[in-house]
């Protein structure tokens, strides 16, 4: 599979269409998070942390997500990472959307509905990730942390990503976040699904590059 260039593009290139793609992807991402939390079959590592903090503080899931995102952005400072429009939108849109969808989507207790929400949430999360990343308007806070640590330490992306995910999963689980079959399913499928979808939605610099891919 050809490598897709995901480096940020100038905001002056098709700003309306790319902005709409960014917002749609982030909104879908927030919706997918809400679906996974209502399935109660296990969350992705960061959401295990978010849920654990939610149980500890009593704050809404979206509020905790936003606070965690801001904290992660503070970690960018020593890593000399620079946020983009997509970074700021990531914090705001996802936190608002996840609370809005959770407000209308009840907890599920029937196994069939739980499985439906889990699988649908994972697939929608992959679609959403590809859509918002493909807009190339700046990385999300967690993506920027990963790339920043990789650049500063010289360690591989795989090692850094694994270290971050294991750390937040462990802390979230200790705080009472939901770890389960959904966590494993997410870990095994989100990468391949996102990689398969990215070439379909990623903005490219020109016709020549499109022909090469």
Foldseek 3Di string as FASTA:
>chain_A
DDDDDLAADDCVPPVVVLVVLQLVLLLLLLLLQLLLVLLLAFDALLLLLLVLVCVVPVDDSLVSQLVVQVVLVVVCVVLVDDFFPSQVSNSPSSSVNNRVNNVVDHRDDPNVSSVVSLVVSLLSNLLSVLRNSLSRGGDYSVVSSLVSCCVVVVDDSVVSVVVVSVVSNVNSVVSPGRHHPSNVVNVVPSVVSNVVCNLVRHDDDDPVVNVVD
